[in-house]
Amino acid sequence: MFLSTVAINPREVELQKLLTDLRIQDWIEEDIFKFKWWFLLLFFCLSGFVWWKMVDKARLSEISLYMAITSIVTLGLDEYGEELTLWWYTIDILPIFPPLTAVDLASLPIIYSLVYQRYRSWTSFLWATVIMSAIFAFVLEPILVYTKFYVLLKWKYYYSFPIYIVMAVLIKWVVEKIKFKEAPQRSQG
């Protein structure tokens, strides 16, 4: 009933279908089974393995929450950046999934979560986050550009630096608020 009242523009639907078909066709012809594709897939799998070996199993729920929120935020930011043509990724693991999933779902969330795990006080966490953000923005992003995994269109590396910091701090704040709300519930149960 609700859908019948929504005006659907058939032209927009057709354009979306055409874009998806083109993206899949390009992926089949240019990405899948090429060296960079295998590299991203291997990197994605190895990152998950390394995280599992390094994560503090006693804090698994808390660290997993931090990692999940980080994944959601990075996926969202990457979608906005690509949609606004600020940057572009030259290869994807899957054609209809968010771009550069090995970075969005593995390396960034894993590194962020391990920093969160290791540096519990706000002061040490902030220092570690600043260092991590500098490495991401001024070392890893240029490497991704140089190796042609990532193309800057209307973006500068120094734009990323404060975003990495703010993202880490806000996610830590959210997770700690959730932990604080959860703690009284656990003691009552």
N, C-alpha and C. Protein backbone atom coordinates (compact mmCIF):
# COMPACT_ATOMS: atom_id res chain seq x y z
N MET A 1 0.83 -1.19 0.00
CA MET A 1 0.00 0.00 0.00
C MET A 1 0.88 1.26 0.00
N PHE A 2 1.88 1.29 0.88
CA PHE A 2 2.75 2.46 0.95
C PHE A 2 3.50 2.66 -0.35
N LEU A 3 3.98 1.60 -0.95
CA LEU A 3 4.75 1.73 -2.19
C LEU A 3 3.93 2.33 -3.33
N SER A 4 2.64 2.10 -3.32
CA SER A 4 1.82 2.63 -4.40
C SER A 4 1.72 4.16 -4.34
N THR A 5 2.00 4.75 -3.18
CA THR A 5 1.94 6.21 -3.06
C THR A 5 3.27 6.88 -3.36
N VAL A 6 4.34 6.09 -3.47
CA VAL A 6 5.66 6.64 -3.75
C VAL A 6 5.84 6.78 -5.25
N ALA A 7 6.26 7.97 -5.66
CA ALA A 7 6.49 8.20 -7.08
C ALA A 7 7.87 7.66 -7.46
N ILE A 8 7.89 6.67 -8.32
CA ILE A 8 9.15 6.08 -8.77
C ILE A 8 9.43 6.61 -10.17
N ASN A 9 10.61 7.15 -10.31
CA ASN A 9 11.03 7.67 -11.61
C ASN A 9 11.67 6.52 -12.39
N PRO A 10 10.98 6.00 -13.42
CA PRO A 10 11.52 4.86 -14.17
C PRO A 10 12.87 5.15 -14.81
N ARG A 11 13.11 6.40 -15.16
CA ARG A 11 14.39 6.77 -15.77
C ARG A 11 15.53 6.59 -14.77
N GLU A 12 15.31 6.99 -13.51
CA GLU A 12 16.34 6.83 -12.48
C GLU A 12 16.61 5.35 -12.22
N VAL A 13 15.55 4.55 -12.18
CA VAL A 13 15.71 3.12 -11.96
C VAL A 13 16.51 2.51 -13.11
N GLU A 14 16.19 2.89 -14.33
CA GLU A 14 16.91 2.37 -15.50
C GLU A 14 18.37 2.81 -15.49
N LEU A 15 18.64 4.07 -15.11
CA LEU A 15 20.02 4.54 -15.04
C LEU A 15 20.80 3.79 -13.96
N GLN A 16 20.17 3.53 -12.83
CA GLN A 16 20.83 2.77 -11.77
C GLN A 16 21.16 1.36 -12.25
N LYS A 17 20.21 0.74 -12.95
CA LYS A 17 20.45 -0.60 -13.47
C LYS A 17 21.59 -0.58 -14.48
N LEU A 18 21.61 0.41 -15.34
CA LEU A 18 22.67 0.54 -16.34
C LEU A 18 24.03 0.72 -15.66
N LEU A 19 24.11 1.58 -14.65
CA LEU A 19 25.36 1.79 -13.92
C LEU A 19 25.84 0.50 -13.25
N THR A 20 24.92 -0.23 -12.64
CA THR A 20 25.28 -1.49 -12.00
C THR A 20 25.78 -2.50 -13.02
N ASP A 21 25.09 -2.60 -14.15
CA ASP A 21 25.52 -3.52 -15.21
C ASP A 21 26.90 -3.15 -15.73
N LEU A 22 27.14 -1.86 -15.92
CA LEU A 22 28.45 -1.40 -16.40
C LEU A 22 29.55 -1.69 -15.37
N ARG A 23 29.24 -1.47 -14.10
CA ARG A 23 30.21 -1.73 -13.03
C ARG A 23 30.57 -3.22 -13.00
N ILE A 24 29.56 -4.09 -13.11
CA ILE A 24 29.81 -5.53 -13.10
C ILE A 24 30.61 -5.95 -14.33
N GLN A 25 30.24 -5.43 -15.48
CA GLN A 25 30.96 -5.76 -16.71
C GLN A 25 32.43 -5.31 -16.63
N ASP A 26 32.64 -4.11 -16.14
CA ASP A 26 34.00 -3.59 -15.99
C ASP A 26 34.79 -4.45 -15.01
N TRP A 27 34.17 -4.84 -13.93
CA TRP A 27 34.82 -5.68 -12.93
C TRP A 27 35.23 -7.02 -13.53
N ILE A 28 34.34 -7.63 -14.31
CA ILE A 28 34.64 -8.91 -14.96
C ILE A 28 35.81 -8.76 -15.94
N GLU A 29 35.79 -7.69 -16.70
CA GLU A 29 36.82 -7.50 -17.73
C GLU A 29 38.14 -6.98 -17.17
N GLU A 30 38.10 -6.15 -16.12
CA GLU A 30 39.30 -5.46 -15.67
C GLU A 30 39.85 -5.87 -14.31
N ASP A 31 39.01 -6.39 -13.42
CA ASP A 31 39.44 -6.59 -12.04
C ASP A 31 39.64 -8.04 -11.64
N ILE A 32 38.62 -8.85 -11.79
CA ILE A 32 38.62 -10.18 -11.20
C ILE A 32 39.79 -11.03 -11.73
N PHE A 33 40.43 -11.68 -10.79
CA PHE A 33 41.55 -12.60 -11.03
C PHE A 33 42.83 -11.91 -11.51
N LYS A 34 42.87 -10.60 -11.49
CA LYS A 34 44.10 -9.88 -11.81
C LYS A 34 44.95 -9.80 -10.54
N PHE A 35 46.22 -9.43 -10.67
CA PHE A 35 47.14 -9.41 -9.53
C PHE A 35 46.59 -8.55 -8.38
N LYS A 36 46.13 -7.34 -8.69
CA LYS A 36 45.64 -6.44 -7.63
C LYS A 36 44.42 -7.03 -6.93
N TRP A 37 43.57 -7.70 -7.67
CA TRP A 37 42.39 -8.33 -7.09
C TRP A 37 42.82 -9.41 -6.11
N TRP A 38 43.76 -10.28 -6.52
CA TRP A 38 44.26 -11.34 -5.64
C TRP A 38 44.95 -10.73 -4.42
N PHE A 39 45.70 -9.65 -4.65
CA PHE A 39 46.38 -8.98 -3.55
C PHE A 39 45.37 -8.49 -2.51
N LEU A 40 44.32 -7.81 -2.96
CA LEU A 40 43.30 -7.31 -2.03
C LEU A 40 42.61 -8.45 -1.30
N LEU A 41 42.28 -9.51 -2.00
CA LEU A 41 41.61 -10.66 -1.39
C LEU A 41 42.51 -11.31 -0.34
N LEU A 42 43.78 -11.51 -0.68
CA LEU A 42 44.72 -12.09 0.27
C LEU A 42 44.91 -11.17 1.47
N PHE A 43 45.06 -9.88 1.20
CA PHE A 43 45.21 -8.90 2.28
C PHE A 43 44.01 -8.92 3.21
N PHE A 44 42.82 -9.00 2.65
CA PHE A 44 41.59 -9.06 3.43
C PHE A 44 41.59 -10.28 4.35
N CYS A 45 41.91 -11.44 3.78
CA CYS A 45 41.91 -12.68 4.57
C CYS A 45 43.00 -12.68 5.63
N LEU A 46 44.21 -12.26 5.27
CA LEU A 46 45.31 -12.23 6.23
C LEU A 46 45.05 -11.24 7.37
N SER A 47 44.43 -10.12 7.04
CA SER A 47 44.11 -9.13 8.07
C SER A 47 43.18 -9.72 9.12
N GLY A 48 42.17 -10.43 8.66
CA GLY A 48 41.25 -11.08 9.60
C GLY A 48 41.94 -12.11 10.48
N PHE A 49 42.84 -12.89 9.89
CA PHE A 49 43.60 -13.90 10.63
C PHE A 49 44.49 -13.24 11.69
N VAL A 50 45.22 -12.20 11.29
CA VAL A 50 46.10 -11.49 12.21
C VAL A 50 45.31 -10.87 13.36
N TRP A 51 44.16 -10.27 13.02
CA TRP A 51 43.33 -9.66 14.07
C TRP A 51 42.90 -10.72 15.08
N TRP A 52 42.45 -11.86 14.59
CA TRP A 52 41.98 -12.92 15.48
C TRP A 52 43.08 -13.39 16.42
N LYS A 53 44.30 -13.44 15.92
CA LYS A 53 45.43 -13.85 16.74
C LYS A 53 45.79 -12.79 17.77
N MET A 54 45.61 -11.51 17.45
CA MET A 54 46.05 -10.42 18.32
C MET A 54 44.98 -9.87 19.25
N VAL A 55 43.71 -10.08 18.95
CA VAL A 55 42.65 -9.47 19.74
C VAL A 55 42.58 -10.10 21.14
N ASP A 56 42.32 -9.25 22.10
CA ASP A 56 42.15 -9.68 23.48
C ASP A 56 40.79 -10.37 23.58
N LYS A 57 40.81 -11.68 23.70
CA LYS A 57 39.57 -12.46 23.71
C LYS A 57 38.70 -12.14 24.93
N ALA A 58 39.31 -11.67 26.00
CA ALA A 58 38.54 -11.30 27.20
C ALA A 58 37.69 -10.05 26.95
N ARG A 59 38.10 -9.23 25.97
CA ARG A 59 37.36 -8.00 25.64
C ARG A 59 36.78 -8.09 24.23
N LEU A 60 36.54 -9.29 23.76
CA LEU A 60 36.15 -9.51 22.36
C LEU A 60 34.89 -8.75 21.96
N SER A 61 33.88 -8.73 22.81
CA SER A 61 32.64 -8.02 22.46
C SER A 61 32.89 -6.52 22.31
N GLU A 62 33.59 -5.96 23.26
CA GLU A 62 33.87 -4.53 23.25
C GLU A 62 34.73 -4.13 22.04
N ILE A 63 35.78 -4.89 21.78
CA ILE A 63 36.68 -4.56 20.67
C ILE A 63 35.98 -4.83 19.33
N SER A 64 35.17 -5.86 19.28
CA SER A 64 34.40 -6.13 18.06
C SER A 64 33.41 -5.01 17.78
N LEU A 65 32.80 -4.47 18.83
CA LEU A 65 31.89 -3.33 18.67
C LEU A 65 32.65 -2.14 18.10
N TYR A 66 33.83 -1.86 18.66
CA TYR A 66 34.64 -0.76 18.15
C TYR A 66 34.98 -0.99 16.68
N MET A 67 35.35 -2.21 16.35
CA MET A 67 35.71 -2.54 14.97
C MET A 67 34.50 -2.44 14.04
N ALA A 68 33.34 -2.90 14.49
CA ALA A 68 32.14 -2.85 13.66
C ALA A 68 31.73 -1.40 13.37
N ILE A 69 31.76 -0.56 14.38
CA ILE A 69 31.41 0.85 14.17
C ILE A 69 32.42 1.50 13.23
N THR A 70 33.70 1.17 13.40
CA THR A 70 34.73 1.70 12.50
C THR A 70 34.46 1.26 11.06
N SER A 71 34.09 0.01 10.86
CA SER A 71 33.78 -0.50 9.52
C SER A 71 32.61 0.26 8.90
N ILE A 72 31.58 0.47 9.67
CA ILE A 72 30.40 1.18 9.17
C ILE A 72 30.77 2.61 8.77
N VAL A 73 31.54 3.28 9.63
CA VAL A 73 31.93 4.66 9.35
C VAL A 73 32.83 4.73 8.12
N THR A 74 33.83 3.85 8.03
CA THR A 74 34.74 3.90 6.87
C THR A 74 34.01 3.56 5.58
N LEU A 75 33.10 2.60 5.63
CA LEU A 75 32.32 2.28 4.43
C LEU A 75 31.48 3.48 4.00
N GLY A 76 30.84 4.11 4.98
CA GLY A 76 30.03 5.29 4.67
C GLY A 76 30.85 6.43 4.10
N LEU A 77 31.97 6.73 4.73
CA LEU A 77 32.82 7.81 4.24
C LEU A 77 33.34 7.52 2.84
N ASP A 78 33.72 6.27 2.59
CA ASP A 78 34.21 5.92 1.26
C ASP A 78 33.10 6.05 0.21
N GLU A 79 31.91 5.65 0.57
CA GLU A 79 30.79 5.79 -0.37
C GLU A 79 30.54 7.27 -0.70
N TYR A 80 30.56 8.11 0.35
CA TYR A 80 30.37 9.55 0.12
C TYR A 80 31.48 10.10 -0.76
N GLY A 81 32.71 9.72 -0.46
CA GLY A 81 33.84 10.23 -1.23
C GLY A 81 33.79 9.83 -2.70
N GLU A 82 33.42 8.59 -2.95
CA GLU A 82 33.30 8.15 -4.35
C GLU A 82 32.10 8.81 -5.03
N GLU A 83 31.00 8.87 -4.33
CA GLU A 83 29.78 9.47 -4.90
C GLU A 83 30.00 10.94 -5.24
N LEU A 84 30.75 11.64 -4.41
CA LEU A 84 31.03 13.06 -4.64
C LEU A 84 32.27 13.27 -5.53
N THR A 85 32.78 12.18 -6.08
CA THR A 85 33.97 12.17 -6.94
C THR A 85 35.16 12.90 -6.31
N LEU A 86 35.39 12.61 -5.04
CA LEU A 86 36.56 13.14 -4.36
C LEU A 86 37.76 12.23 -4.60
N TRP A 87 37.48 10.94 -4.71
CA TRP A 87 38.50 9.94 -5.01
C TRP A 87 37.85 8.79 -5.74
N TRP A 88 38.70 7.87 -6.17
CA TRP A 88 38.21 6.72 -6.93
C TRP A 88 39.14 5.55 -6.67
N TYR A 89 38.57 4.37 -6.53
CA TYR A 89 39.35 3.15 -6.36
C TYR A 89 39.39 2.42 -7.70
N THR A 90 40.56 1.97 -8.07
CA THR A 90 40.73 1.36 -9.39
C THR A 90 40.32 -0.10 -9.42
N ILE A 91 40.13 -0.71 -8.25
CA ILE A 91 39.79 -2.13 -8.21
C ILE A 91 38.95 -2.41 -6.97
N ASP A 92 38.03 -3.34 -7.13
CA ASP A 92 37.18 -3.77 -6.02
C ASP A 92 37.23 -5.28 -5.91
N ILE A 93 37.09 -5.80 -4.70
CA ILE A 93 37.01 -7.25 -4.53
C ILE A 93 35.70 -7.76 -5.14
N LEU A 94 34.62 -7.04 -4.87
CA LEU A 94 33.31 -7.37 -5.45
C LEU A 94 32.78 -6.14 -6.16
N PRO A 95 32.06 -6.32 -7.27
CA PRO A 95 31.63 -5.15 -8.04
C PRO A 95 30.46 -4.39 -7.45
N ILE A 96 29.68 -5.02 -6.61
CA ILE A 96 28.49 -4.35 -6.09
C ILE A 96 28.58 -4.15 -4.58
N PHE A 97 29.78 -4.22 -4.09
CA PHE A 97 30.01 -3.98 -2.67
C PHE A 97 30.79 -2.69 -2.55
N PRO A 98 30.80 -2.06 -1.39
CA PRO A 98 31.56 -0.81 -1.26
C PRO A 98 33.00 -0.96 -1.71
N PRO A 99 33.60 0.12 -2.11
CA PRO A 99 34.94 0.09 -2.71
C PRO A 99 36.04 -0.31 -1.74
N LEU A 100 37.06 -0.89 -2.30
CA LEU A 100 38.28 -1.26 -1.58
C LEU A 100 37.96 -1.91 -0.24
N THR A 101 37.16 -2.96 -0.28
CA THR A 101 36.70 -3.60 0.95
C THR A 101 37.83 -4.13 1.82
N ALA A 102 38.97 -4.45 1.24
CA ALA A 102 40.09 -4.93 2.06
C ALA A 102 40.54 -3.85 3.03
N VAL A 103 40.47 -2.60 2.62
CA VAL A 103 40.86 -1.50 3.50
C VAL A 103 39.71 -1.15 4.44
N ASP A 104 38.51 -1.01 3.90
CA ASP A 104 37.36 -0.58 4.70
C ASP A 104 36.94 -1.61 5.75
N LEU A 105 36.98 -2.87 5.38
CA LEU A 105 36.50 -3.90 6.30
C LEU A 105 37.61 -4.65 7.00
N ALA A 106 38.84 -4.40 6.63
CA ALA A 106 39.93 -5.14 7.28
C ALA A 106 40.96 -4.19 7.89
N SER A 107 41.81 -3.62 7.09
CA SER A 107 42.97 -2.93 7.66
C SER A 107 42.60 -1.77 8.57
N LEU A 108 41.77 -0.83 8.12
CA LEU A 108 41.44 0.30 8.98
C LEU A 108 40.73 -0.14 10.26
N PRO A 109 39.65 -0.91 10.17
CA PRO A 109 38.99 -1.32 11.42
C PRO A 109 39.88 -2.17 12.32
N ILE A 110 40.72 -3.01 11.73
CA ILE A 110 41.59 -3.85 12.54
C ILE A 110 42.63 -3.01 13.26
N ILE A 111 43.28 -2.12 12.55
CA ILE A 111 44.30 -1.27 13.18
C ILE A 111 43.65 -0.37 14.23
N TYR A 112 42.53 0.24 13.88
CA TYR A 112 41.82 1.09 14.85
C TYR A 112 41.48 0.28 16.11
N SER A 113 40.95 -0.92 15.93
CA SER A 113 40.53 -1.72 17.10
C SER A 113 41.72 -2.17 17.94
N LEU A 114 42.86 -2.44 17.29
CA LEU A 114 44.04 -2.84 18.06
C LEU A 114 44.64 -1.65 18.82
N VAL A 115 44.55 -0.47 18.24
CA VAL A 115 44.97 0.74 18.97
C VAL A 115 44.03 0.95 20.16
N TYR A 116 42.73 0.79 19.93
CA TYR A 116 41.75 0.92 21.02
C TYR A 116 42.04 -0.11 22.12
N GLN A 117 42.34 -1.33 21.72
CA GLN A 117 42.64 -2.40 22.68
C GLN A 117 43.89 -2.08 23.51
N ARG A 118 44.92 -1.62 22.86
CA ARG A 118 46.23 -1.42 23.50
C ARG A 118 46.28 -0.17 24.38
N TYR A 119 45.68 0.93 23.91
CA TYR A 119 45.82 2.22 24.60
C TYR A 119 44.49 2.56 25.27
N ARG A 120 44.37 2.18 26.53
CA ARG A 120 43.10 2.31 27.23
C ARG A 120 42.86 3.70 27.79
N SER A 121 43.89 4.38 28.23
CA SER A 121 43.67 5.73 28.78
C SER A 121 43.47 6.70 27.62
N TRP A 122 42.73 7.76 27.88
CA TRP A 122 42.46 8.73 26.82
C TRP A 122 43.74 9.39 26.31
N THR A 123 44.66 9.69 27.20
CA THR A 123 45.89 10.36 26.78
C THR A 123 46.71 9.48 25.84
N SER A 124 46.96 8.24 26.25
CA SER A 124 47.75 7.35 25.39
C SER A 124 47.00 7.04 24.10
N PHE A 125 45.68 6.89 24.19
CA PHE A 125 44.88 6.63 22.99
C PHE A 125 44.98 7.80 22.01
N LEU A 126 44.90 9.03 22.52
CA LEU A 126 44.99 10.20 21.63
C LEU A 126 46.35 10.27 20.94
N TRP A 127 47.43 10.04 21.68
CA TRP A 127 48.76 10.06 21.07
C TRP A 127 48.88 8.96 20.01
N ALA A 128 48.44 7.76 20.34
CA ALA A 128 48.52 6.65 19.38
C ALA A 128 47.65 6.94 18.15
N THR A 129 46.51 7.55 18.37
CA THR A 129 45.61 7.89 17.26
C THR A 129 46.23 8.93 16.34
N VAL A 130 46.87 9.92 16.90
CA VAL A 130 47.52 10.95 16.08
C VAL A 130 48.63 10.31 15.23
N ILE A 131 49.42 9.45 15.83
CA ILE A 131 50.50 8.78 15.09
C ILE A 131 49.90 7.87 14.00
N MET A 132 48.89 7.08 14.37
CA MET A 132 48.23 6.20 13.41
C MET A 132 47.64 7.01 12.26
N SER A 133 46.99 8.12 12.56
CA SER A 133 46.36 8.96 11.54
C SER A 133 47.41 9.56 10.60
N ALA A 134 48.53 9.96 11.15
CA ALA A 134 49.61 10.51 10.32
C ALA A 134 50.14 9.43 9.38
N ILE A 135 50.31 8.24 9.88
CA ILE A 135 50.79 7.13 9.03
C ILE A 135 49.76 6.83 7.93
N PHE A 136 48.48 6.77 8.29
CA PHE A 136 47.45 6.51 7.29
C PHE A 136 47.44 7.60 6.21
N ALA A 137 47.39 8.86 6.66
CA ALA A 137 47.22 9.97 5.73
C ALA A 137 48.46 10.27 4.90
N PHE A 138 49.63 10.18 5.51
CA PHE A 138 50.83 10.67 4.84
C PHE A 138 51.79 9.57 4.38
N VAL A 139 51.50 8.32 4.73
CA VAL A 139 52.33 7.21 4.26
C VAL A 139 51.49 6.21 3.45
N LEU A 140 50.45 5.66 4.08
CA LEU A 140 49.68 4.61 3.41
C LEU A 140 48.85 5.13 2.23
N GLU A 141 48.18 6.26 2.39
CA GLU A 141 47.42 6.80 1.25
C GLU A 141 48.33 7.10 0.06
N PRO A 142 49.48 7.75 0.24
CA PRO A 142 50.37 7.95 -0.91
C PRO A 142 50.85 6.63 -1.54
N ILE A 143 51.06 5.61 -0.71
CA ILE A 143 51.44 4.30 -1.27
C ILE A 143 50.31 3.74 -2.12
N LEU A 144 49.08 3.85 -1.64
CA LEU A 144 47.93 3.38 -2.42
C LEU A 144 47.79 4.16 -3.74
N VAL A 145 48.10 5.45 -3.70
CA VAL A 145 48.07 6.26 -4.93
C VAL A 145 49.19 5.82 -5.86
N TYR A 146 50.38 5.68 -5.32
CA TYR A 146 51.54 5.30 -6.13
C TYR A 146 51.33 3.94 -6.80
N THR A 147 50.74 3.00 -6.08
CA THR A 147 50.50 1.66 -6.62
C THR A 147 49.20 1.59 -7.44
N LYS A 148 48.54 2.71 -7.58
CA LYS A 148 47.34 2.85 -8.40
C LYS A 148 46.15 2.01 -7.93
N PHE A 149 46.04 1.85 -6.62
CA PHE A 149 44.83 1.28 -6.03
C PHE A 149 43.81 2.39 -5.77
N TYR A 150 44.30 3.61 -5.67
CA TYR A 150 43.52 4.75 -5.19
C TYR A 150 43.92 5.95 -6.02
N VAL A 151 42.91 6.71 -6.49
CA VAL A 151 43.17 7.91 -7.30
C VAL A 151 42.51 9.09 -6.61
N LEU A 152 43.30 10.12 -6.34
CA LEU A 152 42.74 11.34 -5.75
C LEU A 152 42.19 12.22 -6.87
N LEU A 153 40.96 12.65 -6.74
CA LEU A 153 40.35 13.51 -7.74
C LEU A 153 40.25 14.94 -7.20
N LYS A 154 39.52 15.12 -6.14
CA LYS A 154 39.39 16.43 -5.48
C LYS A 154 39.69 16.28 -4.00
N TRP A 155 40.74 15.58 -3.68
CA TRP A 155 41.08 15.27 -2.30
C TRP A 155 42.57 15.47 -2.10
N LYS A 156 42.93 15.84 -0.88
CA LYS A 156 44.33 15.99 -0.49
C LYS A 156 44.57 15.10 0.73
N TYR A 157 45.78 14.60 0.84
CA TYR A 157 46.10 13.72 1.96
C TYR A 157 45.82 14.39 3.30
N TYR A 158 46.14 15.65 3.41
CA TYR A 158 45.97 16.32 4.70
C TYR A 158 44.51 16.49 5.09
N TYR A 159 43.56 16.30 4.17
CA TYR A 159 42.14 16.30 4.55
C TYR A 159 41.83 15.06 5.40
N SER A 160 42.49 13.97 5.09
CA SER A 160 42.22 12.70 5.77
C SER A 160 42.69 12.71 7.22
N PHE A 161 43.79 13.38 7.49
CA PHE A 161 44.42 13.34 8.81
C PHE A 161 43.45 13.66 9.95
N PRO A 162 42.76 14.80 9.95
CA PRO A 162 41.84 15.07 11.07
C PRO A 162 40.63 14.12 11.08
N ILE A 163 40.23 13.65 9.91
CA ILE A 163 39.09 12.73 9.86
C ILE A 163 39.43 11.43 10.57
N TYR A 164 40.63 10.91 10.32
CA TYR A 164 41.05 9.68 11.01
C TYR A 164 41.05 9.88 12.52
N ILE A 165 41.51 11.02 12.98
CA ILE A 165 41.56 11.29 14.42
C ILE A 165 40.15 11.41 15.01
N VAL A 166 39.33 12.24 14.39
CA VAL A 166 37.97 12.46 14.90
C VAL A 166 37.19 11.15 14.91
N MET A 167 37.35 10.37 13.86
CA MET A 167 36.64 9.09 13.78
C MET A 167 37.03 8.19 14.96
N ALA A 168 38.32 8.04 15.22
CA ALA A 168 38.78 7.17 16.31
C ALA A 168 38.26 7.66 17.67
N VAL A 169 38.33 8.95 17.89
CA VAL A 169 37.92 9.53 19.17
C VAL A 169 36.41 9.37 19.38
N LEU A 170 35.62 9.70 18.36
CA LEU A 170 34.17 9.57 18.50
C LEU A 170 33.74 8.13 18.71
N ILE A 171 34.38 7.21 18.00
CA ILE A 171 34.00 5.80 18.16
C ILE A 171 34.39 5.31 19.56
N LYS A 172 35.54 5.70 20.05
CA LYS A 172 35.93 5.33 21.43
C LYS A 172 34.91 5.90 22.42
N TRP A 173 34.51 7.14 22.22
CA TRP A 173 33.53 7.76 23.11
C TRP A 173 32.21 6.97 23.10
N VAL A 174 31.74 6.61 21.91
CA VAL A 174 30.48 5.85 21.79
C VAL A 174 30.61 4.50 22.48
N VAL A 175 31.68 3.78 22.20
CA VAL A 175 31.86 2.45 22.81
C VAL A 175 31.95 2.55 24.32
N GLU A 176 32.64 3.55 24.81
CA GLU A 176 32.74 3.71 26.27
C GLU A 176 31.40 4.07 26.89
N LYS A 177 30.60 4.86 26.19
CA LYS A 177 29.25 5.17 26.70
C LYS A 177 28.41 3.89 26.76
N ILE A 178 28.53 3.05 25.74
CA ILE A 178 27.78 1.79 25.73
C ILE A 178 28.26 0.90 26.88
N LYS A 179 29.57 0.81 27.07
CA LYS A 179 30.12 0.01 28.18
C LYS A 179 29.62 0.52 29.52
N PHE A 180 29.59 1.84 29.69
CA PHE A 180 29.13 2.45 30.94
C PHE A 180 27.66 2.10 31.20
N LYS A 181 26.85 2.15 30.15
CA LYS A 181 25.41 1.82 30.31
C LYS A 181 25.23 0.33 30.57
N GLU A 182 26.09 -0.47 29.99
CA GLU A 182 25.98 -1.92 30.11
C GLU A 182 26.44 -2.42 31.49
N ALA A 183 27.43 -1.78 32.07
CA ALA A 183 28.03 -2.25 33.33
C ALA A 183 27.00 -2.43 34.45
N PRO A 184 26.11 -1.46 34.71
CA PRO A 184 25.12 -1.68 35.79
C PRO A 184 24.18 -2.86 35.50
N GLN A 185 23.89 -3.07 34.24
CA GLN A 185 23.00 -4.17 33.86
C GLN A 185 23.65 -5.51 34.17
N ARG A 186 24.94 -5.63 33.91
CA ARG A 186 25.65 -6.89 34.17
C ARG A 186 25.74 -7.18 35.65
N SER A 187 25.95 -6.13 36.47
CA SER A 187 26.08 -6.36 37.92
C SER A 187 24.74 -6.76 38.53
N GLN A 188 23.63 -6.36 37.92
CA GLN A 188 22.31 -6.73 38.42
C GLN A 188 21.93 -8.13 38.01
N GLY A 189 22.47 -8.60 36.87
CA GLY A 189 22.09 -9.90 36.32
C GLY A 189 22.77 -10.99 36.97
